[in-house]
Amino acid sequence: MRYTVMTPAPPLGGQVECFWRLEGRGAGLPPETIVPDGCMEIVLHCGDRFDRLGERGQAERQPAAFVVGQMTRPLVVRPAARIETWGIRFRPGGAAAFLDGGLQELTGHVVALETVWGAEGRRWVERIGEARDPKERRRRIEAMLLERLRHRAVDPIAHAAARSLVAARGRLRVAALASEAGIGMRQLERRFLRGVGLPPRLLGRILRFQHLFRLAPDAATPATWADRALDAGYYDQAHLLRDFREFAGSTPPRFLAEQGEFSRALTSRDRLDHLFTV
């Protein structure tokens, strides 16, 4: 598989981290475990659709186009035979500029784009599918996002608080975010949940977890992970292992050993440099 990242046009950069394209042959490849990163996405399968695997290994075919709400648990997918998959990865809180309603309603769910956008979603998918080549697909994706952006507004307090958490690598208390915003903690938490999809404390944990990969992308020994965990803000190894069990369903060495090409790209230093650039 080949994973390609594209930078969006400047008007989209505050809300969209990147566009990505995955292409190749997936027949016979093992399942991939995708871990939470605080970002929502829109995914379009222009080739064959992937399967999502449940906890007991049961397979469910993904929609042709769908919204990935905020993840709080690992997502296991099985690559398709003929892969041409596109993704729009929103920055934490950025999806609110393109999706209607509170983002918390999508948290933990994969929802067909047509369910979220209705007839507009169907037309959008058709236009992307009719594109002659990858360059044209990207132009159409960008143009449609720009059109939707012009008609949407985000909660400036929730958006600013999410940016502050990203800049701090998740190491900001809710009280500090509320003080920075000039509102009470409960009001901030309500607005944050609606505009980002997660409580600020949980987003902070996920960002700290991702920052750990940035500090130790190839660490294989428990000692190395323990050292980097302290740098990322974990109290001790038990604290680290708790988050790994929750967000990756595994231990650090085992997760790294079993990572596939796509999963590895999503936790690479280069990708995480993009995530933590605000």
C-alpha atoms as a PDB file:
ATOM      1  CA  MET A   1       0.000   0.000   0.000  1.00  0.00           C
ATOM      2  CA  ARG A   2       1.092   3.567  -0.620  1.00  0.00           C
ATOM      3  CA  TYR A   3      -0.030   6.356   1.714  1.00  0.00           C
ATOM      4  CA  THR A   4       0.129   9.933   0.402  1.00  0.00           C
ATOM      5  CA  VAL A   5      -0.587  13.134   2.348  1.00  0.00           C
ATOM      6  CA  MET A   6      -1.706  16.405   0.731  1.00  0.00           C
ATOM      7  CA  THR A   7      -1.821  19.841   2.372  1.00  0.00           C
ATOM      8  CA  PRO A   8      -5.169  21.653   1.993  1.00  0.00           C
ATOM      9  CA  ALA A   9      -5.590  25.142   0.549  1.00  0.00           C
ATOM     10  CA  PRO A  10      -4.944  27.961   3.092  1.00  0.00           C
ATOM     11  CA  PRO A  11      -8.620  28.759   3.840  1.00  0.00           C
ATOM     12  CA  LEU A  12      -9.057  25.158   5.020  1.00  0.00           C
ATOM     13  CA  GLY A  13      -5.821  24.844   6.985  1.00  0.00           C
ATOM     14  CA  GLY A  14      -7.289  25.965  10.300  1.00  0.00           C
ATOM     15  CA  GLN A  15      -9.864  23.164  10.237  1.00  0.00           C
ATOM     16  CA  VAL A  16      -8.336  20.451   8.022  1.00  0.00           C
ATOM     17  CA  GLU A  17      -5.021  18.809   8.911  1.00  0.00           C
ATOM     18  CA  CYS A  18      -4.646  17.072   5.546  1.00  0.00           C
ATOM     19  CA  PHE A  19      -6.125  15.065   2.734  1.00  0.00           C
ATOM     20  CA  TRP A  20      -4.737  11.557   2.413  1.00  0.00           C
ATOM     21  CA  ARG A  21      -4.853   8.829  -0.206  1.00  0.00           C
ATOM     22  CA  LEU A  22      -4.220   5.125   0.290  1.00  0.00           C
ATOM     23  CA  GLU A  23      -3.744   2.976  -2.788  1.00  0.00           C
ATOM     24  CA  GLY A  24      -2.515  -0.482  -3.722  1.00  0.00           C
ATOM     25  CA  ARG A  25      -3.488  -4.104  -3.272  1.00  0.00           C
ATOM     26  CA  GLY A  26      -4.718  -5.330   0.094  1.00  0.00           C
ATOM     27  CA  ALA A  27      -5.572  -8.958  -0.593  1.00  0.00           C
ATOM     28  CA  GLY A  28      -3.946 -11.177   2.024  1.00  0.00           C
ATOM     29  CA  LEU A  29      -2.774  -8.308   4.239  1.00  0.00           C
ATOM     30  CA  PRO A  30      -3.490  -8.646   7.974  1.00  0.00           C
ATOM     31  CA  PRO A  31      -5.970  -6.362   9.754  1.00  0.00           C
ATOM     32  CA  GLU A  32      -4.793  -2.888  10.816  1.00  0.00           C
ATOM     33  CA  THR A  33      -5.410  -1.332  14.241  1.00  0.00           C
ATOM     34  CA  ILE A  34      -6.140   2.405  14.122  1.00  0.00           C
ATOM     35  CA  VAL A  35      -5.849   4.249  17.441  1.00  0.00           C
ATOM     36  CA  PRO A  36      -7.627   7.434  18.589  1.00  0.00           C
ATOM     37  CA  ASP A  37      -5.876  10.710  17.730  1.00  0.00           C
ATOM     38  CA  GLY A  38      -8.457  13.402  18.559  1.00  0.00           C
ATOM     39  CA  CYS A  39      -9.300  13.962  14.876  1.00  0.00           C
ATOM     40  CA  MET A  40     -12.547  13.266  13.051  1.00  0.00           C
ATOM     41  CA  GLU A  41     -12.428  12.217   9.397  1.00  0.00           C
ATOM     42  CA  ILE A  42     -14.468  11.793   6.249  1.00  0.00           C
ATOM     43  CA  VAL A  43     -13.386   8.666   4.355  1.00  0.00           C
ATOM     44  CA  LEU A  44     -14.278   7.706   0.779  1.00  0.00           C
ATOM     45  CA  HIS A  45     -13.614   4.296  -0.728  1.00  0.00           C
ATOM     46  CA  CYS A  46     -13.185   4.867  -4.469  1.00  0.00           C
ATOM     47  CA  GLY A  47     -11.880   1.306  -4.756  1.00  0.00           C
ATOM     48  CA  ASP A  48     -13.139  -1.719  -2.807  1.00  0.00           C
ATOM     49  CA  ARG A  49     -14.508  -1.100   0.676  1.00  0.00           C
ATOM     50  CA  PHE A  50     -12.657  -2.188   3.827  1.00  0.00           C
ATOM     51  CA  ASP A  51     -14.177  -4.403   6.516  1.00  0.00           C
ATOM     52  CA  ARG A  52     -14.449  -3.269  10.099  1.00  0.00           C
ATOM     53  CA  LEU A  53     -13.747  -6.099  12.556  1.00  0.00           C
ATOM     54  CA  GLY A  54     -15.624  -6.370  15.842  1.00  0.00           C
ATOM     55  CA  GLU A  55     -14.231  -7.570  19.152  1.00  0.00           C
ATOM     56  CA  ARG A  56     -15.139 -11.170  18.297  1.00  0.00           C
ATOM     57  CA  GLY A  57     -13.680 -10.900  14.813  1.00  0.00           C
ATOM     58  CA  GLN A  58     -17.026 -10.420  13.055  1.00  0.00           C
ATOM     59  CA  ALA A  59     -16.697  -8.383   9.830  1.00  0.00           C
ATOM     60  CA  GLU A  60     -18.870  -5.459   8.756  1.00  0.00           C
ATOM     61  CA  ARG A  61     -18.375  -3.832   5.351  1.00  0.00           C
ATOM     62  CA  GLN A  62     -17.739  -0.104   5.627  1.00  0.00           C
ATOM     63  CA  PRO A  63     -19.938   2.340   3.688  1.00  0.00           C
ATOM     64  CA  ALA A  64     -18.557   3.773   0.451  1.00  0.00           C
ATOM     65  CA  ALA A  65     -18.314   7.182   2.131  1.00  0.00           C
ATOM     66  CA  PHE A  66     -18.580   7.842   5.849  1.00  0.00           C
ATOM     67  CA  VAL A  67     -17.790  10.103   8.776  1.00  0.00           C
ATOM     68  CA  VAL A  68     -15.557   8.755  11.532  1.00  0.00           C
ATOM     69  CA  GLY A  69     -16.592  10.355  14.804  1.00  0.00           C
ATOM     70  CA  GLN A  70     -14.138  10.921  17.606  1.00  0.00           C
ATOM     71  CA  MET A  71     -12.596   7.574  18.530  1.00  0.00           C
ATOM     72  CA  THR A  72     -12.158   6.529  22.146  1.00  0.00           C
ATOM     73  CA  ARG A  73     -11.199   2.903  21.438  1.00  0.00           C
ATOM     74  CA  PRO A  74      -9.063   1.199  18.793  1.00  0.00           C
ATOM     75  CA  LEU A  75     -10.641   0.548  15.388  1.00  0.00           C
ATOM     76  CA  VAL A  76      -9.619  -2.649  13.562  1.00  0.00           C
ATOM     77  CA  VAL A  77     -10.052  -2.719   9.778  1.00  0.00           C
ATOM     78  CA  ARG A  78      -9.205  -5.297   7.134  1.00  0.00           C
ATOM     79  CA  PRO A  79      -7.826  -3.891   3.848  1.00  0.00           C
ATOM     80  CA  ALA A  80      -9.728  -4.520   0.633  1.00  0.00           C
ATOM     81  CA  ALA A  81      -8.362  -6.194  -2.490  1.00  0.00           C
ATOM     82  CA  ARG A  82      -8.258  -3.063  -4.678  1.00  0.00           C
ATOM     83  CA  ILE A  83      -7.489   0.008  -2.599  1.00  0.00           C
ATOM     84  CA  GLU A  84      -8.111   3.619  -3.517  1.00  0.00           C
ATOM     85  CA  THR A  85      -9.261   5.279  -0.338  1.00  0.00           C
ATOM     86  CA  TRP A  86      -9.337   9.029   0.317  1.00  0.00           C
ATOM     87  CA  GLY A  87      -9.551  10.744   3.673  1.00  0.00           C
ATOM     88  CA  ILE A  88     -10.188  14.255   4.960  1.00  0.00           C
ATOM     89  CA  ARG A  89      -8.619  14.521   8.391  1.00  0.00           C
ATOM     90  CA  PHE A  90      -9.967  17.398  10.460  1.00  0.00           C
ATOM     91  CA  ARG A  91      -7.971  19.041  13.201  1.00  0.00           C
ATOM     92  CA  PRO A  92      -9.398  18.564  16.718  1.00  0.00           C
ATOM     93  CA  GLY A  93     -12.563  20.680  16.661  1.00  0.00           C
ATOM     94  CA  GLY A  94     -12.237  21.423  12.947  1.00  0.00           C
ATOM     95  CA  ALA A  95     -15.056  19.127  11.821  1.00  0.00           C
ATOM     96  CA  ALA A  96     -17.623  21.481  13.368  1.00  0.00           C
ATOM     97  CA  ALA A  97     -17.097  23.822  10.390  1.00  0.00           C
ATOM     98  CA  PHE A  98     -18.485  21.177   8.025  1.00  0.00           C
ATOM     99  CA  LEU A  99     -20.915  18.993  10.017  1.00  0.00           C
ATOM    100  CA  ASP A 100     -24.287  19.980  11.423  1.00  0.00           C
ATOM    101  CA  GLY A 101     -25.254  19.482  15.060  1.00  0.00           C
ATOM    102  CA  GLY A 102     -23.216  18.531  18.092  1.00  0.00           C
ATOM    103  CA  LEU A 103     -20.174  16.426  17.283  1.00  0.00           C
ATOM    104  CA  GLN A 104     -20.658  14.337  20.437  1.00  0.00           C
ATOM    105  CA  GLU A 105     -23.534  12.546  18.668  1.00  0.00           C
ATOM    106  CA  LEU A 106     -20.996  11.002  16.279  1.00  0.00           C
ATOM    107  CA  THR A 107     -18.441  10.009  18.913  1.00  0.00           C
ATOM    108  CA  GLY A 108     -17.584   6.316  18.775  1.00  0.00           C
ATOM    109  CA  HIS A 109     -19.507   5.819  15.540  1.00  0.00           C
ATOM    110  CA  VAL A 110     -18.818   5.370  11.835  1.00  0.00           C
ATOM    111  CA  VAL A 111     -21.771   6.954  10.003  1.00  0.00           C
ATOM    112  CA  ALA A 112     -22.529   6.930   6.280  1.00  0.00           C
ATOM    113  CA  LEU A 113     -21.965  10.387   4.801  1.00  0.00           C
ATOM    114  CA  GLU A 114     -25.443  10.298   3.282  1.00  0.00           C
ATOM    115  CA  THR A 115     -26.900   9.928   6.782  1.00  0.00           C
ATOM    116  CA  VAL A 116     -25.063  13.061   7.912  1.00  0.00           C
ATOM    117  CA  TRP A 117     -25.428  15.244   4.794  1.00  0.00           C
ATOM    118  CA  GLY A 118     -28.466  13.691   3.101  1.00  0.00           C
ATOM    119  CA  ALA A 119     -28.880  14.368  -0.632  1.00  0.00           C
ATOM    120  CA  GLU A 120     -25.863  16.671  -0.573  1.00  0.00           C
ATOM    121  CA  GLY A 121     -23.751  13.757   0.629  1.00  0.00           C
ATOM    122  CA  ARG A 122     -24.949  11.579  -2.276  1.00  0.00           C
ATOM    123  CA  ARG A 123     -24.137  14.276  -4.833  1.00  0.00           C
ATOM    124  CA  TRP A 124     -20.758  14.862  -3.202  1.00  0.00           C
ATOM    125  CA  VAL A 125     -19.803  11.187  -3.432  1.00  0.00           C
ATOM    126  CA  GLU A 126     -20.987  10.975  -7.042  1.00  0.00           C
ATOM    127  CA  ARG A 127     -18.874  13.968  -8.066  1.00  0.00           C
ATOM    128  CA  ILE A 128     -15.775  12.553  -6.402  1.00  0.00           C
ATOM    129  CA  GLY A 129     -16.355   9.158  -8.031  1.00  0.00           C
ATOM    130  CA  GLU A 130     -16.723  10.729 -11.483  1.00  0.00           C
ATOM    131  CA  ALA A 131     -13.341  12.488 -11.298  1.00  0.00           C
ATOM    132  CA  ARG A 132     -10.969  11.383 -14.066  1.00  0.00           C
ATOM    133  CA  ASP A 133      -7.798  11.113 -11.983  1.00  0.00           C
ATOM    134  CA  PRO A 134      -6.410  11.736  -8.463  1.00  0.00           C
ATOM    135  CA  LYS A 135      -5.654  15.411  -9.147  1.00  0.00           C
ATOM    136  CA  GLU A 136      -9.243  16.003 -10.190  1.00  0.00           C
ATOM    137  CA  ARG A 137     -10.538  14.109  -7.149  1.00  0.00           C
ATOM    138  CA  ARG A 138      -8.513  16.338  -4.868  1.00  0.00           C
ATOM    139  CA  ARG A 139      -9.705  19.517  -6.613  1.00  0.00           C
ATOM    140  CA  ARG A 140     -13.325  18.451  -6.232  1.00  0.00           C
ATOM    141  CA  ILE A 141     -12.892  17.529  -2.567  1.00  0.00           C
ATOM    142  CA  GLU A 142     -11.264  20.879  -1.850  1.00  0.00           C
ATOM    143  CA  ALA A 143     -13.854  22.892  -3.781  1.00  0.00           C
ATOM    144  CA  MET A 144     -16.777  21.253  -2.001  1.00  0.00           C
ATOM    145  CA  LEU A 145     -15.214  21.731   1.429  1.00  0.00           C
ATOM    146  CA  LEU A 146     -14.553  25.399   0.658  1.00  0.00           C
ATOM    147  CA  GLU A 147     -18.165  25.853  -0.413  1.00  0.00           C
ATOM    148  CA  ARG A 148     -19.444  24.296   2.808  1.00  0.00           C
ATOM    149  CA  LEU A 149     -16.972  26.262   4.938  1.00  0.00           C
ATOM    150  CA  ARG A 150     -18.387  29.555   3.640  1.00  0.00           C
ATOM    151  CA  HIS A 151     -21.791  28.701   5.089  1.00  0.00           C
ATOM    152  CA  ARG A 152     -20.735  27.397   8.502  1.00  0.00           C
ATOM    153  CA  ALA A 153     -19.421  28.955  11.693  1.00  0.00           C
ATOM    154  CA  VAL A 154     -17.659  27.259  14.595  1.00  0.00           C
ATOM    155  CA  ASP A 155     -17.813  27.992  18.300  1.00  0.00           C
ATOM    156  CA  PRO A 156     -14.729  30.189  18.735  1.00  0.00           C
ATOM    157  CA  ILE A 157     -14.281  29.229  22.384  1.00  0.00           C
ATOM    158  CA  ALA A 158     -14.389  25.473  21.762  1.00  0.00           C
ATOM    159  CA  HIS A 159     -12.102  25.838  18.738  1.00  0.00           C
ATOM    160  CA  ALA A 160      -9.565  27.973  20.631  1.00  0.00           C
ATOM    161  CA  ALA A 161      -9.595  25.615  23.616  1.00  0.00           C
ATOM    162  CA  ALA A 162      -8.924  22.627  21.348  1.00  0.00           C
ATOM    163  CA  ARG A 163      -5.995  24.466  19.742  1.00  0.00           C
ATOM    164  CA  SER A 164      -4.587  25.258  23.186  1.00  0.00           C
ATOM    165  CA  LEU A 165      -4.780  21.585  24.186  1.00  0.00           C
ATOM    166  CA  VAL A 166      -3.026  20.535  20.980  1.00  0.00           C
ATOM    167  CA  ALA A 167      -0.285  23.122  21.493  1.00  0.00           C
ATOM    168  CA  ALA A 168       0.230  21.853  25.062  1.00  0.00           C
ATOM    169  CA  ARG A 169       0.360  18.195  23.877  1.00  0.00           C
ATOM    170  CA  GLY A 170      -2.689  17.532  26.041  1.00  0.00           C
ATOM    171  CA  ARG A 171      -1.093  18.818  29.236  1.00  0.00           C
ATOM    172  CA  LEU A 172      -3.556  21.560  30.212  1.00  0.00           C
ATOM    173  CA  ARG A 173      -6.135  21.320  32.969  1.00  0.00           C
ATOM    174  CA  VAL A 174      -9.766  22.132  32.272  1.00  0.00           C
ATOM    175  CA  ALA A 175      -9.581  24.950  34.835  1.00  0.00           C
ATOM    176  CA  ALA A 176      -6.754  26.566  32.868  1.00  0.00           C
ATOM    177  CA  LEU A 177      -8.699  26.281  29.597  1.00  0.00           C
ATOM    178  CA  ALA A 178     -11.792  27.807  31.217  1.00  0.00           C
ATOM    179  CA  SER A 179      -9.755  30.647  32.686  1.00  0.00           C
ATOM    180  CA  GLU A 180      -8.181  31.309  29.288  1.00  0.00           C
ATOM    181  CA  ALA A 181     -11.656  31.424  27.719  1.00  0.00           C
ATOM    182  CA  GLY A 182     -13.104  33.595  30.470  1.00  0.00           C
ATOM    183  CA  ILE A 183     -15.988  31.231  31.255  1.00  0.00           C
ATOM    184  CA  GLY A 184     -16.799  28.638  33.911  1.00  0.00           C
ATOM    185  CA  MET A 185     -15.539  25.067  33.732  1.00  0.00           C
ATOM    186  CA  ARG A 186     -18.971  23.501  33.219  1.00  0.00           C
ATOM    187  CA  GLN A 187     -19.841  25.891  30.424  1.00  0.00           C
ATOM    188  CA  LEU A 188     -16.511  25.204  28.739  1.00  0.00           C
ATOM    189  CA  GLU A 189     -17.023  21.450  29.013  1.00  0.00           C
ATOM    190  CA  ARG A 190     -20.506  21.690  27.437  1.00  0.00           C
ATOM    191  CA  ARG A 191     -19.295  23.832  24.547  1.00  0.00           C
ATOM    192  CA  PHE A 192     -16.179  21.709  24.074  1.00  0.00           C
ATOM    193  CA  LEU A 193     -18.174  18.475  23.944  1.00  0.00           C
ATOM    194  CA  ARG A 194     -20.513  19.917  21.307  1.00  0.00           C
ATOM    195  CA  GLY A 195     -17.771  21.560  19.220  1.00  0.00           C
ATOM    196  CA  VAL A 196     -15.042  18.896  19.503  1.00  0.00           C
ATOM    197  CA  GLY A 197     -16.923  15.694  20.287  1.00  0.00           C
ATOM    198  CA  LEU A 198     -15.024  14.750  23.451  1.00  0.00           C
ATOM    199  CA  PRO A 199     -14.667  16.184  26.970  1.00  0.00           C
ATOM    200  CA  PRO A 200     -11.478  18.275  27.190  1.00  0.00           C
ATOM    201  CA  ARG A 201      -9.921  15.922  29.727  1.00  0.00           C
ATOM    202  CA  LEU A 202     -10.341  12.916  27.429  1.00  0.00           C
ATOM    203  CA  LEU A 203      -8.966  14.796  24.408  1.00  0.00           C
ATOM    204  CA  GLY A 204      -5.973  15.732  26.554  1.00  0.00           C
ATOM    205  CA  ARG A 205      -5.338  12.060  27.361  1.00  0.00           C
ATOM    206  CA  ILE A 206      -5.552  11.098  23.689  1.00  0.00           C
ATOM    207  CA  LEU A 207      -3.152  13.882  22.665  1.00  0.00           C
ATOM    208  CA  ARG A 208      -0.690  12.840  25.365  1.00  0.00           C
ATOM    209  CA  PHE A 209      -0.927   9.255  24.089  1.00  0.00           C
ATOM    210  CA  GLN A 210      -0.186  10.404  20.534  1.00  0.00           C
ATOM    211  CA  HIS A 211       2.679  12.613  21.707  1.00  0.00           C
ATOM    212  CA  LEU A 212       4.285   9.507  23.169  1.00  0.00           C
ATOM    213  CA  PHE A 213       4.559   8.023  19.649  1.00  0.00           C
ATOM    214  CA  ARG A 214       6.155  11.256  18.510  1.00  0.00           C
ATOM    215  CA  LEU A 215       8.773  10.999  21.246  1.00  0.00           C
ATOM    216  CA  ALA A 216       9.475   7.283  20.764  1.00  0.00           C
ATOM    217  CA  PRO A 217       8.234   6.161  17.335  1.00  0.00           C
ATOM    218  CA  ASP A 218      10.497   3.100  17.182  1.00  0.00           C
ATOM    219  CA  ALA A 219      10.985   2.295  20.866  1.00  0.00           C
ATOM    220  CA  ALA A 220      10.867  -1.440  21.453  1.00  0.00           C
ATOM    221  CA  THR A 221      12.060  -1.963  25.024  1.00  0.00           C
ATOM    222  CA  PRO A 222      10.008  -1.351  28.178  1.00  0.00           C
ATOM    223  CA  ALA A 223      12.788   0.841  29.571  1.00  0.00           C
ATOM    224  CA  THR A 224      12.687   3.168  26.581  1.00  0.00           C
ATOM    225  CA  TRP A 225       8.920   3.431  26.761  1.00  0.00           C
ATOM    226  CA  ALA A 226       9.089   4.192  30.485  1.00  0.00           C
ATOM    227  CA  ASP A 227      11.562   7.031  29.880  1.00  0.00           C
ATOM    228  CA  ARG A 228       9.499   8.547  27.087  1.00  0.00           C
ATOM    229  CA  ALA A 229       6.301   8.153  29.105  1.00  0.00           C
ATOM    230  CA  LEU A 230       7.670  10.503  31.745  1.00  0.00           C
ATOM    231  CA  ASP A 231       8.585  13.027  29.049  1.00  0.00           C
ATOM    232  CA  ALA A 232       5.044  12.848  27.663  1.00  0.00           C
ATOM    233  CA  GLY A 233       3.472  13.479  31.068  1.00  0.00           C
ATOM    234  CA  TYR A 234       2.705   9.994  32.385  1.00  0.00           C
ATOM    235  CA  TYR A 235       3.240   9.438  36.092  1.00  0.00           C
ATOM    236  CA  ASP A 236       4.626   5.916  35.806  1.00  0.00           C
ATOM    237  CA  GLN A 237       4.570   2.793  33.651  1.00  0.00           C
ATOM    238  CA  ALA A 238       1.222   1.651  35.064  1.00  0.00           C
ATOM    239  CA  HIS A 239      -0.301   4.954  33.976  1.00  0.00           C
ATOM    240  CA  LEU A 240       1.098   4.422  30.474  1.00  0.00           C
ATOM    241  CA  LEU A 241      -0.124   0.818  30.231  1.00  0.00           C
ATOM    242  CA  ARG A 242      -3.644   1.833  31.261  1.00  0.00           C
ATOM    243  CA  ASP A 243      -3.889   4.256  28.319  1.00  0.00           C
ATOM    244  CA  PHE A 244      -2.361   1.727  25.937  1.00  0.00           C
ATOM    245  CA  ARG A 245      -4.921  -0.898  26.909  1.00  0.00           C
ATOM    246  CA  GLU A 246      -7.748   1.609  26.471  1.00  0.00           C
ATOM    247  CA  PHE A 247      -6.641   3.302  23.237  1.00  0.00           C
ATOM    248  CA  ALA A 248      -4.670   0.542  21.485  1.00  0.00           C
ATOM    249  CA  GLY A 249      -6.024  -2.623  23.087  1.00  0.00           C
ATOM    250  CA  SER A 250      -2.455  -3.813  23.584  1.00  0.00           C
ATOM    251  CA  THR A 251       0.928  -3.167  25.204  1.00  0.00           C
ATOM    252  CA  PRO A 252       3.498  -0.819  23.595  1.00  0.00           C
ATOM    253  CA  PRO A 253       5.931  -3.492  22.280  1.00  0.00           C
ATOM    254  CA  ARG A 254       3.143  -5.744  21.025  1.00  0.00           C
ATOM    255  CA  PHE A 255       1.321  -2.892  19.299  1.00  0.00           C
ATOM    256  CA  LEU A 256       4.479  -1.742  17.508  1.00  0.00           C
ATOM    257  CA  ALA A 257       5.322  -5.296  16.455  1.00  0.00           C
ATOM    258  CA  GLU A 258       1.859  -5.826  14.956  1.00  0.00           C
ATOM    259  CA  GLN A 259       1.460  -2.457  13.265  1.00  0.00           C
ATOM    260  CA  GLY A 260       0.700  -2.528   9.563  1.00  0.00           C
ATOM    261  CA  GLU A 261       1.895  -0.015   7.004  1.00  0.00           C
ATOM    262  CA  PHE A 262      -1.180   2.225   7.260  1.00  0.00           C
ATOM    263  CA  SER A 263      -1.308   2.198  11.056  1.00  0.00           C
ATOM    264  CA  ARG A 264       2.419   2.951  11.214  1.00  0.00           C
ATOM    265  CA  ALA A 265       1.989   5.968   8.939  1.00  0.00           C
ATOM    266  CA  LEU A 266      -0.683   7.383  11.253  1.00  0.00           C
ATOM    267  CA  THR A 267       1.631   7.308  14.288  1.00  0.00           C
ATOM    268  CA  SER A 268       4.809   8.363  12.465  1.00  0.00           C
ATOM    269  CA  ARG A 269       6.790  11.385  13.617  1.00  0.00           C
ATOM    270  CA  ASP A 270       6.074  13.200  10.352  1.00  0.00           C
ATOM    271  CA  ARG A 271       2.314  12.728  10.693  1.00  0.00           C
ATOM    272  CA  LEU A 272       2.313  13.754  14.347  1.00  0.00           C
ATOM    273  CA  ASP A 273       4.338  16.862  13.565  1.00  0.00           C
ATOM    274  CA  HIS A 274       1.358  17.888  11.425  1.00  0.00           C
ATOM    275  CA  LEU A 275      -1.104  17.085  14.210  1.00  0.00           C
ATOM    276  CA  PHE A 276       0.748  19.177  16.761  1.00  0.00           C
ATOM    277  CA  THR A 277       1.329  22.156  14.486  1.00  0.00           C
ATOM    278  CA  VAL A 278      -1.261  24.846  15.342  1.00  0.00           C
END
